[in-house]
Amino acid sequence: MRSRQRFWGIPGSSLVITVILSLVIGLLCAAFVLGSYLLLLQRTVSNVEDALSRDMESSIDLVLEDDLPAGASERKAIDLFGTGNDSAYIREEIWGVYGVATVKIALSGHTKDRSFFTGALLPDTLDGCLFLSEHQRPLTLVGHTLLTGKAYLPKAGVKPGYIDQRGYAYTTLVNGDMERSGSALPVVDEELLRKYVALQARDTTRKTGDPVPVELMQSFSDTVRLLKEHGMLEMSGVRLSGHVLVASDSLIVVDADTRLDNIVLTAPVIRFKAGFAGRVQAFGCDSVVAESGCRFVYPSILAVVKKAGSVYQTRLVLADSCVLEGMVLAFCDSTDQDMEYTEVGNGARIRGVLYTNGYLVLHGSVEGATLADNFLYKDQSVILENFLVDVQLNRAALPVSFAAPVLFKGRKRNRVVQWVN
């Protein structure tokens, strides 16, 4: 019987399994290499990000320790640690009554930038709830008036009083220390304030103004966008944000449906219609009026800066139920005979600083510092000087870390007020 020849070999299924295993092992090795690479890349990116953040913090500290530029914006490049690898590019300028800086960090081909407002802690001369200039008249308190914090008062001091047979509601006149005031309010930076008044002058070389667009967002890392109008400018349904300055040689009217964020306005007369809400710095030289129910978000300022030599009494009005976080300022020369007139309506609230060279009619409340030459109380039948009726001035309600405008001497500019685009 013929014997069968036997063949030995590898089954086909085993070859397929071997190929599959090889592919799986190859994929696992590739995944391991890729994972290692991604982990290394992640660590590298994380290290770079940490270094950029460190350089950014160092640069911000340098900005806060530095002096503000006196004139135009300043630009500088800094080798942070003297190695040539960590470079910071800083641009600083004054925006309204705050500083604004843009810091750009460059490291190994990577960059990071931030823009921010800077403010100042209030100086020691503004550590009280009230500074009333010395004009040889006492301050008289009536009704539910509360003074909480140190009070700088005239030599004649403070006393309770009566209006229409209504007396003072409390036993303590000042909930804090009392010290003598001076004949003039603490000095502010007049040159800075008048910078914006100068922009109101009519440019005779231009026949038309720059129309205000319906919507505009200008980054603070870019140059300022100046929109200058001849004659009355009514802003209705407009949305402006950032590094934008709007100037008029006549009048600016801001309707309630306008949205402004960190904009600077300057005109002889500025009026905010009832119900407006936004973040704005407004500088007038004749009058600034905020109608009832307006809200100005921190850091905002309403300021009237009287022109030198003007014989008219200027007006600053914060009407009933308005809220402002920042500063209200009415400024004129201390020798001016026609001093400023400032009025804060019923239910209005200021969180920050209220400063007026002249006469202050105050019906609202201030969480912070109030500085005035004279108070006036008015009703339908009487006008009384240096009377406060149902007014609350509370210095303790303002945080000690509050960053105010960079207007006062003796300030320390060591706070970031706001991060901006």
Protein backbone atom coordinates (compact mmCIF):
# COMPACT_ATOMS: atom_id res chain seq x y z
CA MET A 1 0.00 0.00 0.00
CA ARG A 2 1.41 3.33 -1.05
CA SER A 3 2.15 5.56 1.95
CA ARG A 4 0.86 9.14 1.97
CA GLN A 5 3.47 11.93 2.04
CA ARG A 6 2.86 14.31 4.96
CA PHE A 7 3.44 18.08 4.59
CA TRP A 8 4.24 20.22 7.57
CA GLY A 9 3.42 24.03 7.48
CA ILE A 10 1.88 26.98 9.30
CA PRO A 11 -1.91 27.21 9.10
CA GLY A 12 -3.23 30.37 7.33
CA SER A 13 -5.19 31.49 10.40
CA SER A 14 -2.00 31.66 12.45
CA LEU A 15 -0.41 33.98 9.91
CA VAL A 16 -3.40 36.30 10.08
CA ILE A 17 -3.23 36.36 13.87
CA THR A 18 0.48 37.16 13.73
CA VAL A 19 -0.10 40.06 11.37
CA ILE A 20 -2.91 41.41 13.56
CA LEU A 21 -0.75 41.14 16.68
CA SER A 22 2.06 42.94 14.91
CA LEU A 23 -0.31 45.74 13.91
CA VAL A 24 -1.69 46.00 17.46
CA ILE A 25 1.81 46.13 18.94
CA GLY A 26 2.81 48.69 16.33
CA LEU A 27 -0.23 50.82 17.11
CA LEU A 28 0.44 50.55 20.84
CA CYS A 29 4.03 51.61 20.33
CA ALA A 30 2.91 54.50 18.13
CA ALA A 31 0.30 55.49 20.69
CA PHE A 32 2.94 55.36 23.43
CA VAL A 33 5.33 57.52 21.39
CA LEU A 34 2.52 59.93 20.49
CA GLY A 35 1.35 60.04 24.12
CA SER A 36 4.87 60.75 25.29
CA TYR A 37 5.20 63.49 22.71
CA LEU A 38 1.86 65.04 23.64
CA LEU A 39 2.75 64.87 27.33
CA LEU A 40 6.07 66.54 26.61
CA LEU A 41 4.32 69.13 24.45
CA GLN A 42 1.75 69.74 27.18
CA ARG A 43 4.50 70.18 29.75
CA THR A 44 6.34 72.54 27.43
CA VAL A 45 3.22 74.59 26.78
CA SER A 46 2.45 74.60 30.50
CA ASN A 47 6.00 75.73 31.30
CA VAL A 48 5.79 78.47 28.69
CA GLU A 49 2.38 79.56 29.99
CA ASP A 50 3.73 79.61 33.55
CA ALA A 51 6.69 81.69 32.40
CA LEU A 52 4.44 84.08 30.47
CA SER A 53 2.19 84.46 33.53
CA ARG A 54 5.23 85.08 35.73
CA ASP A 55 6.55 87.72 33.34
CA MET A 56 3.09 89.30 33.10
CA GLU A 57 2.81 89.58 36.89
CA SER A 58 6.28 91.12 37.09
CA SER A 59 5.42 93.63 34.37
CA ILE A 60 2.13 94.59 36.04
CA ASP A 61 4.05 95.17 39.29
CA LEU A 62 6.43 97.47 37.41
CA VAL A 63 3.49 99.43 36.00
CA LEU A 64 1.93 99.86 39.43
CA GLU A 65 5.21 101.07 40.91
CA ASP A 66 5.94 103.47 38.05
CA ASP A 67 4.82 107.09 37.70
CA LEU A 68 2.04 107.90 35.27
CA PRO A 69 3.10 109.65 32.04
CA ALA A 70 2.62 113.39 32.29
CA GLY A 71 1.67 113.93 28.65
CA ALA A 72 1.19 111.60 25.72
CA SER A 73 1.31 107.84 26.05
CA GLU A 74 4.67 106.27 26.82
CA ARG A 75 6.09 103.10 25.30
CA LYS A 76 9.00 101.12 26.61
CA ALA A 77 10.64 97.73 26.17
CA ILE A 78 12.08 95.95 29.20
CA ASP A 79 14.39 92.96 29.56
CA LEU A 80 12.78 91.65 32.73
CA PHE A 81 15.57 89.51 34.17
CA GLY A 82 18.59 90.66 32.19
CA THR A 83 18.92 87.39 30.27
CA GLY A 84 17.54 88.59 26.94
CA ASN A 85 14.88 85.88 26.92
CA ASP A 86 12.01 87.59 28.79
CA SER A 87 10.88 90.78 27.07
CA ALA A 88 8.02 93.06 28.08
CA TYR A 89 6.55 95.83 25.95
CA ILE A 90 4.55 98.36 27.96
CA ARG A 91 2.40 101.25 26.86
CA GLU A 92 0.97 103.61 29.50
CA GLU A 93 -1.26 106.65 29.32
CA ILE A 94 -3.86 108.54 31.29
CA TRP A 95 -7.42 107.74 30.26
CA GLY A 96 -9.86 110.15 31.82
CA VAL A 97 -8.83 110.23 35.46
CA TYR A 98 -7.38 106.73 35.56
CA GLY A 99 -4.22 105.20 34.19
CA VAL A 100 -4.44 102.59 31.45
CA ALA A 101 -1.64 100.23 30.48
CA THR A 102 -1.13 97.50 27.91
CA VAL A 103 1.52 94.89 28.62
CA LYS A 104 2.74 92.46 25.96
CA ILE A 105 5.09 89.61 26.90
CA ALA A 106 7.30 87.84 24.33
CA LEU A 107 9.01 84.55 25.25
CA SER A 108 10.50 81.98 22.89
CA GLY A 109 8.13 82.85 20.07
CA HIS A 110 5.09 82.95 22.38
CA THR A 111 3.23 86.12 23.34
CA LYS A 112 0.67 87.21 25.91
CA ASP A 113 -0.92 90.62 26.39
CA ARG A 114 -3.28 92.30 28.85
CA SER A 115 -4.75 95.78 29.23
CA PHE A 116 -5.96 97.24 32.50
CA PHE A 117 -6.96 100.43 34.30
CA THR A 118 -4.96 101.59 37.30
CA GLY A 119 -6.14 103.70 40.21
CA ALA A 120 -4.87 104.97 43.53
CA LEU A 121 -5.65 104.37 47.14
CA LEU A 122 -7.09 107.51 48.64
CA PRO A 123 -4.51 109.65 50.47
CA ASP A 124 -4.62 110.15 54.22
CA THR A 125 -6.36 113.52 53.74
CA LEU A 126 -9.40 111.64 52.39
CA ASP A 127 -9.73 109.14 55.21
CA GLY A 128 -12.96 110.66 56.53
CA CYS A 129 -16.60 110.70 55.54
CA LEU A 130 -16.62 114.52 55.32
CA PHE A 131 -14.33 117.44 54.64
CA LEU A 132 -16.13 120.79 54.98
CA SER A 133 -14.02 123.85 54.28
CA GLU A 134 -13.48 126.49 56.92
CA HIS A 135 -15.85 129.41 56.31
CA GLN A 136 -16.52 130.28 59.96
CA ARG A 137 -19.95 128.60 60.01
CA PRO A 138 -20.96 125.45 61.88
CA LEU A 139 -22.50 122.41 60.24
CA THR A 140 -26.09 121.80 61.33
CA LEU A 141 -27.65 118.33 61.29
CA VAL A 142 -31.40 117.72 61.05
CA GLY A 143 -33.55 114.60 60.82
CA HIS A 144 -32.04 111.20 60.13
CA THR A 145 -28.61 112.48 59.13
CA LEU A 146 -25.78 110.06 59.92
CA LEU A 147 -22.06 110.86 59.67
CA THR A 148 -20.06 107.64 59.98
CA GLY A 149 -16.29 108.03 60.00
CA LYS A 150 -13.85 110.82 60.67
CA ALA A 151 -15.17 114.33 59.96
CA TYR A 152 -13.01 117.34 59.06
CA LEU A 153 -15.02 120.35 60.19
CA PRO A 154 -14.72 124.13 60.55
CA LYS A 155 -13.67 125.61 63.87
CA ALA A 156 -17.35 126.27 64.67
CA GLY A 157 -17.91 122.50 64.62
CA VAL A 158 -21.22 120.68 64.27
CA LYS A 159 -24.55 121.03 66.06
CA PRO A 160 -28.12 119.71 65.92
CA GLY A 161 -30.78 121.95 64.40
CA TYR A 162 -34.47 122.34 63.59
CA ILE A 163 -36.46 122.85 60.40
CA ASP A 164 -40.25 123.23 60.63
CA GLN A 165 -40.14 122.04 64.25
CA ARG A 166 -38.29 118.90 63.23
CA GLY A 167 -35.07 118.22 65.11
CA TYR A 168 -32.11 115.86 64.96
CA ALA A 169 -33.06 112.19 65.42
CA TYR A 170 -29.93 110.88 67.16
CA THR A 171 -27.80 111.64 70.22
CA THR A 172 -24.39 111.35 68.53
CA LEU A 173 -23.51 113.95 65.91
CA VAL A 174 -20.47 112.21 64.38
CA ASN A 175 -19.81 108.48 64.63
CA GLY A 176 -16.06 108.95 64.49
CA ASP A 177 -13.26 111.39 65.25
CA MET A 178 -13.54 115.10 64.52
CA GLU A 179 -10.64 117.23 63.26
CA ARG A 180 -10.22 120.75 61.99
CA SER A 181 -10.54 121.26 58.24
CA GLY A 182 -8.73 123.92 56.22
CA SER A 183 -9.82 126.88 54.17
CA ALA A 184 -9.49 124.93 50.92
CA LEU A 185 -10.26 121.42 49.75
CA PRO A 186 -7.44 118.94 49.18
CA VAL A 187 -5.65 119.75 45.93
CA VAL A 188 -6.46 117.85 42.74
CA ASP A 189 -4.54 117.63 39.47
CA GLU A 190 -5.93 120.66 37.65
CA GLU A 191 -3.77 120.15 34.56
CA LEU A 192 -5.15 116.66 34.05
CA LEU A 193 -8.74 117.91 34.31
CA ARG A 194 -8.25 120.82 31.91
CA LYS A 195 -6.73 118.51 29.30
CA TYR A 196 -10.22 117.34 28.35
CA VAL A 197 -11.75 120.82 28.42
CA ALA A 198 -9.18 121.86 25.81
CA LEU A 199 -10.50 119.18 23.44
CA GLN A 200 -13.88 120.94 23.30
CA ALA A 201 -12.50 123.85 21.27
CA ARG A 202 -13.79 124.09 17.71
CA ASP A 203 -11.32 122.95 15.08
CA THR A 204 -11.61 125.65 12.41
CA THR A 205 -9.45 123.67 9.97
CA ARG A 206 -12.15 121.02 9.62
CA LYS A 207 -15.47 121.61 7.90
CA THR A 208 -17.23 118.54 9.26
CA GLY A 209 -16.93 116.33 12.28
CA ASP A 210 -16.33 112.62 12.57
CA PRO A 211 -19.71 110.88 12.62
CA VAL A 212 -20.30 108.57 15.57
CA PRO A 213 -20.84 105.03 14.28
CA VAL A 214 -23.74 102.93 15.46
CA GLU A 215 -21.33 100.39 16.92
CA LEU A 216 -17.61 100.60 17.64
CA MET A 217 -15.26 98.60 19.85
CA GLN A 218 -11.69 99.92 20.03
CA SER A 219 -9.16 97.86 21.98
CA PHE A 220 -6.99 99.67 24.51
CA SER A 221 -4.02 97.98 22.86
CA ASP A 222 -4.80 100.14 19.80
CA THR A 223 -4.46 103.90 19.45
CA VAL A 224 -7.28 106.09 20.69
CA ARG A 225 -10.19 106.71 18.30
CA LEU A 226 -11.19 110.38 18.47
CA LEU A 227 -14.69 111.28 17.28
CA LYS A 228 -15.18 115.04 17.23
CA GLU A 229 -18.49 116.70 16.42
CA HIS A 230 -19.31 120.32 15.61
CA GLY A 231 -22.55 121.39 17.25
CA MET A 232 -25.03 119.23 19.09
CA LEU A 233 -24.41 115.48 19.18
CA GLU A 234 -27.27 113.18 20.17
CA MET A 235 -26.24 109.60 20.84
CA SER A 236 -29.21 107.28 20.42
CA GLY A 237 -29.05 103.52 19.95
CA VAL A 238 -25.24 103.72 19.85
CA ARG A 239 -22.87 101.07 21.25
CA LEU A 240 -19.33 102.27 21.93
CA SER A 241 -16.69 100.42 23.90
CA GLY A 242 -13.02 100.84 24.71
CA HIS A 243 -10.42 103.35 23.58
CA VAL A 244 -12.88 105.88 22.15
CA LEU A 245 -13.03 109.61 22.96
CA VAL A 246 -16.09 111.57 21.85
CA ALA A 247 -15.82 115.37 21.84
CA SER A 248 -18.21 118.16 20.92
CA ASP A 249 -17.80 121.94 20.93
CA SER A 250 -21.41 122.36 22.02
CA LEU A 251 -23.63 119.66 23.55
CA ILE A 252 -23.70 115.88 23.94
CA VAL A 253 -27.02 114.20 24.72
CA VAL A 254 -26.91 110.50 25.65
CA ASP A 255 -30.21 108.63 25.32
CA ALA A 256 -31.20 105.74 27.59
CA ASP A 257 -30.79 103.19 24.77
CA THR A 258 -27.11 104.08 24.28
CA ARG A 259 -24.50 101.66 25.61
CA LEU A 260 -21.14 103.13 26.62
CA ASP A 261 -18.31 101.13 28.18
CA ASN A 262 -15.16 102.96 29.35
CA ILE A 263 -15.78 105.81 26.89
CA VAL A 264 -14.57 109.37 27.56
CA LEU A 265 -17.00 112.19 26.68
CA THR A 266 -16.10 115.87 26.65
CA ALA A 267 -18.28 118.86 25.74
CA PRO A 268 -19.35 122.14 27.33
CA VAL A 269 -22.74 120.59 28.16
CA ILE A 270 -23.41 116.87 28.65
CA ARG A 271 -26.82 115.42 29.45
CA PHE A 272 -27.71 111.80 30.20
CA LYS A 273 -31.37 110.99 29.66
CA ALA A 274 -33.38 109.24 32.38
CA GLY A 275 -32.61 105.55 32.71
CA PHE A 276 -29.18 105.54 31.07
CA ALA A 277 -26.79 102.83 32.28
CA GLY A 278 -23.13 102.45 31.42
CA ARG A 279 -19.48 102.98 32.35
CA VAL A 280 -18.32 106.41 31.26
CA GLN A 281 -16.07 109.36 32.11
CA ALA A 282 -17.78 112.65 31.24
CA PHE A 283 -16.11 116.07 31.36
CA GLY A 284 -18.12 119.27 30.89
CA CYS A 285 -17.21 122.91 31.43
CA ASP A 286 -20.71 124.45 31.71
CA SER A 287 -22.93 121.65 33.00
CA VAL A 288 -23.26 117.91 33.36
CA VAL A 289 -26.73 116.54 34.13
CA ALA A 290 -27.80 112.96 34.79
CA GLU A 291 -31.57 112.66 34.81
CA SER A 292 -33.45 110.40 37.20
CA GLY A 293 -32.64 106.72 37.46
CA CYS A 294 -29.28 106.79 35.66
CA ARG A 295 -26.67 104.24 36.70
CA PHE A 296 -22.94 104.73 36.23
CA VAL A 297 -20.87 101.60 36.81
CA TYR A 298 -17.41 101.68 38.41
CA PRO A 299 -15.08 103.22 37.40
CA SER A 300 -17.11 106.23 36.21
CA ILE A 301 -16.79 109.96 36.75
CA LEU A 302 -19.06 112.93 36.12
CA ALA A 303 -16.98 116.11 36.17
CA VAL A 304 -17.57 119.79 35.56
CA VAL A 305 -14.37 121.77 35.16
CA LYS A 306 -15.06 125.48 34.98
CA LYS A 307 -13.10 127.44 32.40
CA ALA A 308 -10.71 130.00 33.79
CA GLY A 309 -12.21 133.48 33.59
CA SER A 310 -15.81 132.29 33.13
CA VAL A 311 -18.35 134.48 34.96
CA TYR A 312 -21.14 131.88 34.89
CA GLN A 313 -21.97 129.47 37.67
CA THR A 314 -21.61 125.94 36.38
CA ARG A 315 -23.94 123.06 37.34
CA LEU A 316 -23.53 119.38 38.05
CA VAL A 317 -26.73 117.44 38.74
CA LEU A 318 -27.16 113.81 39.74
CA ALA A 319 -30.95 113.54 39.83
CA ASP A 320 -33.27 111.42 41.96
CA SER A 321 -32.51 107.68 42.30
CA CYS A 322 -29.26 107.85 40.31
CA VAL A 323 -26.37 105.56 41.28
CA LEU A 324 -22.73 106.36 40.55
CA GLU A 325 -19.68 104.26 41.41
CA GLY A 326 -16.48 106.24 41.10
CA MET A 327 -16.39 110.02 41.46
CA VAL A 328 -18.52 113.13 41.13
CA LEU A 329 -16.36 116.24 40.70
CA ALA A 330 -17.16 119.94 40.36
CA PHE A 331 -13.94 121.93 40.07
CA CYS A 332 -13.11 125.61 39.79
CA ASP A 333 -10.41 127.95 41.02
CA SER A 334 -10.59 128.39 44.79
CA THR A 335 -10.71 132.18 44.36
CA ASP A 336 -13.68 132.07 41.97
CA GLN A 337 -16.59 134.20 43.22
CA ASP A 338 -19.17 132.25 41.17
CA MET A 339 -18.39 128.82 42.50
CA GLU A 340 -19.76 125.52 41.29
CA TYR A 341 -23.31 124.36 42.03
CA THR A 342 -23.76 120.63 42.60
CA GLU A 343 -27.02 118.85 43.36
CA VAL A 344 -27.53 115.22 44.36
CA GLY A 345 -31.20 114.24 44.35
CA ASN A 346 -33.42 112.20 46.62
CA GLY A 347 -32.48 108.54 46.78
CA ALA A 348 -29.33 109.10 44.74
CA ARG A 349 -26.30 107.12 45.89
CA ILE A 350 -22.61 107.73 45.28
CA ARG A 351 -20.05 105.04 46.05
CA GLY A 352 -16.61 106.63 45.99
CA VAL A 353 -15.78 110.35 46.16
CA LEU A 354 -17.98 113.45 45.94
CA TYR A 355 -15.88 116.61 45.50
CA THR A 356 -17.25 120.09 44.85
CA ASN A 357 -15.62 123.50 44.82
CA GLY A 358 -18.69 125.50 45.74
CA TYR A 359 -22.23 124.80 46.88
CA LEU A 360 -23.52 121.28 47.39
CA VAL A 361 -27.22 120.47 47.68
CA LEU A 362 -27.20 116.93 49.01
CA HIS A 363 -30.34 114.83 49.44
CA GLY A 364 -28.84 111.42 48.75
CA SER A 365 -26.14 109.29 50.36
CA VAL A 366 -22.40 108.85 49.90
CA GLU A 367 -20.54 105.63 50.66
CA GLY A 368 -17.07 107.09 50.78
CA ALA A 369 -15.69 110.62 51.09
CA THR A 370 -17.57 113.90 50.64
CA LEU A 371 -15.61 117.14 50.18
CA ALA A 372 -17.36 120.49 49.82
CA ASP A 373 -16.91 124.19 50.43
CA ASN A 374 -20.52 124.79 51.47
CA PHE A 375 -23.74 122.85 51.88
CA LEU A 376 -27.11 124.27 50.90
CA TYR A 377 -30.50 123.01 51.97
CA LYS A 378 -33.43 124.07 49.81
CA ASP A 379 -37.15 123.51 50.00
CA GLN A 380 -40.11 125.51 48.74
CA SER A 381 -39.87 128.16 51.44
CA VAL A 382 -36.29 128.37 52.66
CA ILE A 383 -32.63 128.16 51.69
CA LEU A 384 -30.22 127.38 54.53
CA GLU A 385 -26.42 127.25 54.45
CA ASN A 386 -24.47 124.33 55.91
CA PHE A 387 -27.55 122.28 56.79
CA LEU A 388 -27.74 118.54 56.19
CA VAL A 389 -31.19 116.94 56.37
CA ASP A 390 -31.74 113.16 56.16
CA VAL A 391 -28.32 112.60 54.62
CA GLN A 392 -26.06 109.60 55.16
CA LEU A 393 -22.28 109.91 54.74
CA ASN A 394 -20.54 106.61 55.47
CA ARG A 395 -16.80 106.24 55.02
CA ALA A 396 -16.81 102.74 56.51
CA ALA A 397 -19.03 101.48 53.64
CA LEU A 398 -16.16 102.07 51.18
CA PRO A 399 -13.59 99.22 51.15
CA VAL A 400 -10.08 100.21 52.20
CA SER A 401 -8.84 98.76 48.89
CA PHE A 402 -11.02 101.13 46.83
CA ALA A 403 -8.99 102.46 43.88
CA ALA A 404 -9.85 106.08 43.19
CA PRO A 405 -8.93 108.37 40.27
CA VAL A 406 -5.29 109.46 40.08
CA LEU A 407 -6.16 113.08 40.88
CA PHE A 408 -5.01 113.63 44.44
CA LYS A 409 -1.57 114.45 45.80
CA GLY A 410 -0.20 111.94 48.27
CA ARG A 411 -1.85 109.07 46.44
CA LYS A 412 -0.42 105.60 46.01
CA ARG A 413 -1.09 104.19 42.57
CA ASN A 414 -1.04 100.54 43.44
CA ARG A 415 -4.30 98.99 42.38
CA VAL A 416 -5.65 97.40 39.22
CA VAL A 417 -9.07 98.97 38.79
CA GLN A 418 -10.37 96.88 35.91
CA TRP A 419 -9.17 94.43 33.25
CA VAL A 420 -10.15 95.67 29.78
CA ASN A 421 -9.90 94.56 26.16
